[in-house]
Amino acid sequence: MGKIKNMLIEAMETPIMDACSECQGSGMVEVDVVRPHGFGRDVGVIDGVLEDCSACGGLGEVERLCACGEWVTSVRGDAALVCEECV
């Protein structure tokens, strides 16, 4: 195979990555954790704990999806919003 053909195949298989909308690209989200009252206190407390974002798996990036649910690949450029089948 030729070098150009390999580059085209790689571009068709590589999805465009956008910053995650849940964590704004940081990979971490703050989750409220309820702590029950103890023997020394008569009230519980709600703590904020940082956890990995469940939408992106802690990476901070998600694949850009077309309206049909398929990945938008980098073969059409970084500004593309639709997949190859929807074009």
C-alpha atoms as a PDB file:
ATOM      1  CA  MET A   1       0.000   0.000   0.000  1.00  0.00           C
ATOM      2  CA  GLY A   2       1.020   3.540  -0.589  1.00  0.00           C
ATOM      3  CA  LYS A   3       1.838   6.109   2.036  1.00  0.00           C
ATOM      4  CA  ILE A   4      -1.041   8.370   1.014  1.00  0.00           C
ATOM      5  CA  LYS A   5      -3.529   5.502   1.175  1.00  0.00           C
ATOM      6  CA  ASN A   6      -2.359   4.635   4.711  1.00  0.00           C
ATOM      7  CA  MET A   7      -2.758   8.275   5.762  1.00  0.00           C
ATOM      8  CA  LEU A   8      -6.292   8.378   4.316  1.00  0.00           C
ATOM      9  CA  ILE A   9      -7.288   5.164   6.107  1.00  0.00           C
ATOM     10  CA  GLU A  10      -5.907   6.504   9.386  1.00  0.00           C
ATOM     11  CA  ALA A  11      -7.847   9.767   8.960  1.00  0.00           C
ATOM     12  CA  MET A  12     -11.061   7.832   8.254  1.00  0.00           C
ATOM     13  CA  GLU A  13     -10.647   5.794  11.462  1.00  0.00           C
ATOM     14  CA  THR A  14      -9.623   8.633  13.806  1.00  0.00           C
ATOM     15  CA  PRO A  15     -12.552  10.485  15.437  1.00  0.00           C
ATOM     16  CA  ILE A  16     -12.334  14.206  16.131  1.00  0.00           C
ATOM     17  CA  MET A  17     -12.069  14.793  19.875  1.00  0.00           C
ATOM     18  CA  ASP A  18     -13.877  17.670  21.633  1.00  0.00           C
ATOM     19  CA  ALA A  19     -13.625  18.855  25.227  1.00  0.00           C
ATOM     20  CA  CYS A  20     -16.081  17.037  27.496  1.00  0.00           C
ATOM     21  CA  SER A  21     -19.150  19.130  28.322  1.00  0.00           C
ATOM     22  CA  GLU A  22     -19.578  17.536  31.772  1.00  0.00           C
ATOM     23  CA  CYS A  23     -16.100  18.364  33.158  1.00  0.00           C
ATOM     24  CA  GLN A  24     -15.101  21.164  30.699  1.00  0.00           C
ATOM     25  CA  GLY A  25     -12.018  19.179  29.694  1.00  0.00           C
ATOM     26  CA  SER A  26     -10.512  18.705  33.164  1.00  0.00           C
ATOM     27  CA  GLY A  27     -11.455  15.029  33.525  1.00  0.00           C
ATOM     28  CA  MET A  28     -12.690  15.520  37.105  1.00  0.00           C
ATOM     29  CA  VAL A  29     -16.140  16.384  38.475  1.00  0.00           C
ATOM     30  CA  GLU A  30     -17.238  17.273  41.988  1.00  0.00           C
ATOM     31  CA  VAL A  31     -19.749  14.817  43.444  1.00  0.00           C
ATOM     32  CA  ASP A  32     -21.764  15.379  46.613  1.00  0.00           C
ATOM     33  CA  VAL A  33     -21.224  12.643  49.210  1.00  0.00           C
ATOM     34  CA  VAL A  34     -23.534  12.469  52.213  1.00  0.00           C
ATOM     35  CA  ARG A  35     -21.673  11.812  55.472  1.00  0.00           C
ATOM     36  CA  PRO A  36     -23.945  10.635  58.295  1.00  0.00           C
ATOM     37  CA  HIS A  37     -23.779  12.139  61.760  1.00  0.00           C
ATOM     38  CA  GLY A  38     -21.422  10.591  64.256  1.00  0.00           C
ATOM     39  CA  PHE A  39     -21.374  10.177  68.029  1.00  0.00           C
ATOM     40  CA  GLY A  40     -19.828  13.618  68.571  1.00  0.00           C
ATOM     41  CA  ARG A  41     -22.182  15.502  66.199  1.00  0.00           C
ATOM     42  CA  ASP A  42     -25.932  15.508  65.912  1.00  0.00           C
ATOM     43  CA  VAL A  43     -26.048  16.449  62.211  1.00  0.00           C
ATOM     44  CA  GLY A  44     -24.604  14.983  59.045  1.00  0.00           C
ATOM     45  CA  VAL A  45     -22.725  16.879  56.390  1.00  0.00           C
ATOM     46  CA  ILE A  46     -22.546  16.897  52.601  1.00  0.00           C
ATOM     47  CA  ASP A  47     -18.961  16.783  51.306  1.00  0.00           C
ATOM     48  CA  GLY A  48     -17.814  17.575  47.807  1.00  0.00           C
ATOM     49  CA  VAL A  49     -15.433  14.900  46.464  1.00  0.00           C
ATOM     50  CA  LEU A  50     -13.564  14.998  43.148  1.00  0.00           C
ATOM     51  CA  GLU A  51     -14.039  11.899  40.974  1.00  0.00           C
ATOM     52  CA  ASP A  52     -13.225  10.927  37.399  1.00  0.00           C
ATOM     53  CA  CYS A  53     -15.830  12.172  34.954  1.00  0.00           C
ATOM     54  CA  SER A  54     -18.158   9.350  33.919  1.00  0.00           C
ATOM     55  CA  ALA A  55     -18.892  10.897  30.504  1.00  0.00           C
ATOM     56  CA  CYS A  56     -15.265  10.915  29.317  1.00  0.00           C
ATOM     57  CA  GLY A  57     -13.705   8.378  31.684  1.00  0.00           C
ATOM     58  CA  GLY A  58     -11.366  10.989  33.164  1.00  0.00           C
ATOM     59  CA  LEU A  59      -9.724  11.849  29.832  1.00  0.00           C
ATOM     60  CA  GLY A  60     -11.359  15.258  29.374  1.00  0.00           C
ATOM     61  CA  GLU A  61     -12.215  14.526  25.737  1.00  0.00           C
ATOM     62  CA  VAL A  62     -15.130  12.854  23.983  1.00  0.00           C
ATOM     63  CA  GLU A  63     -15.618  11.859  20.356  1.00  0.00           C
ATOM     64  CA  ARG A  64     -17.521  14.323  18.198  1.00  0.00           C
ATOM     65  CA  LEU A  65     -20.760  12.628  17.154  1.00  0.00           C
ATOM     66  CA  CYS A  66     -22.956  13.246  14.137  1.00  0.00           C
ATOM     67  CA  ALA A  67     -26.741  13.597  14.487  1.00  0.00           C
ATOM     68  CA  CYS A  68     -27.031   9.941  13.392  1.00  0.00           C
ATOM     69  CA  GLY A  69     -24.771   8.816  16.271  1.00  0.00           C
ATOM     70  CA  GLU A  70     -21.649   7.959  14.236  1.00  0.00           C
ATOM     71  CA  TRP A  71     -18.204   9.449  14.855  1.00  0.00           C
ATOM     72  CA  VAL A  72     -17.148  12.510  12.874  1.00  0.00           C
ATOM     73  CA  THR A  73     -13.702  11.581  11.585  1.00  0.00           C
ATOM     74  CA  SER A  74     -10.782  13.827  10.735  1.00  0.00           C
ATOM     75  CA  VAL A  75     -10.881  12.967   7.009  1.00  0.00           C
ATOM     76  CA  ARG A  76     -13.189  15.949   6.348  1.00  0.00           C
ATOM     77  CA  GLY A  77     -11.185  18.373   8.508  1.00  0.00           C
ATOM     78  CA  ASP A  78     -11.384  19.583  12.083  1.00  0.00           C
ATOM     79  CA  ALA A  79     -14.397  21.820  11.437  1.00  0.00           C
ATOM     80  CA  ALA A  80     -16.605  18.949  10.205  1.00  0.00           C
ATOM     81  CA  LEU A  81     -19.877  18.373  12.047  1.00  0.00           C
ATOM     82  CA  VAL A  82     -21.331  15.419  10.093  1.00  0.00           C
ATOM     83  CA  CYS A  83     -20.037  11.929   9.402  1.00  0.00           C
ATOM     84  CA  GLU A  84     -19.154  10.471   5.999  1.00  0.00           C
ATOM     85  CA  GLU A  85     -22.524   8.712   5.566  1.00  0.00           C
ATOM     86  CA  CYS A  86     -24.573  11.860   6.247  1.00  0.00           C
ATOM     87  CA  VAL A  87     -22.681  13.994   3.734  1.00  0.00           C
END
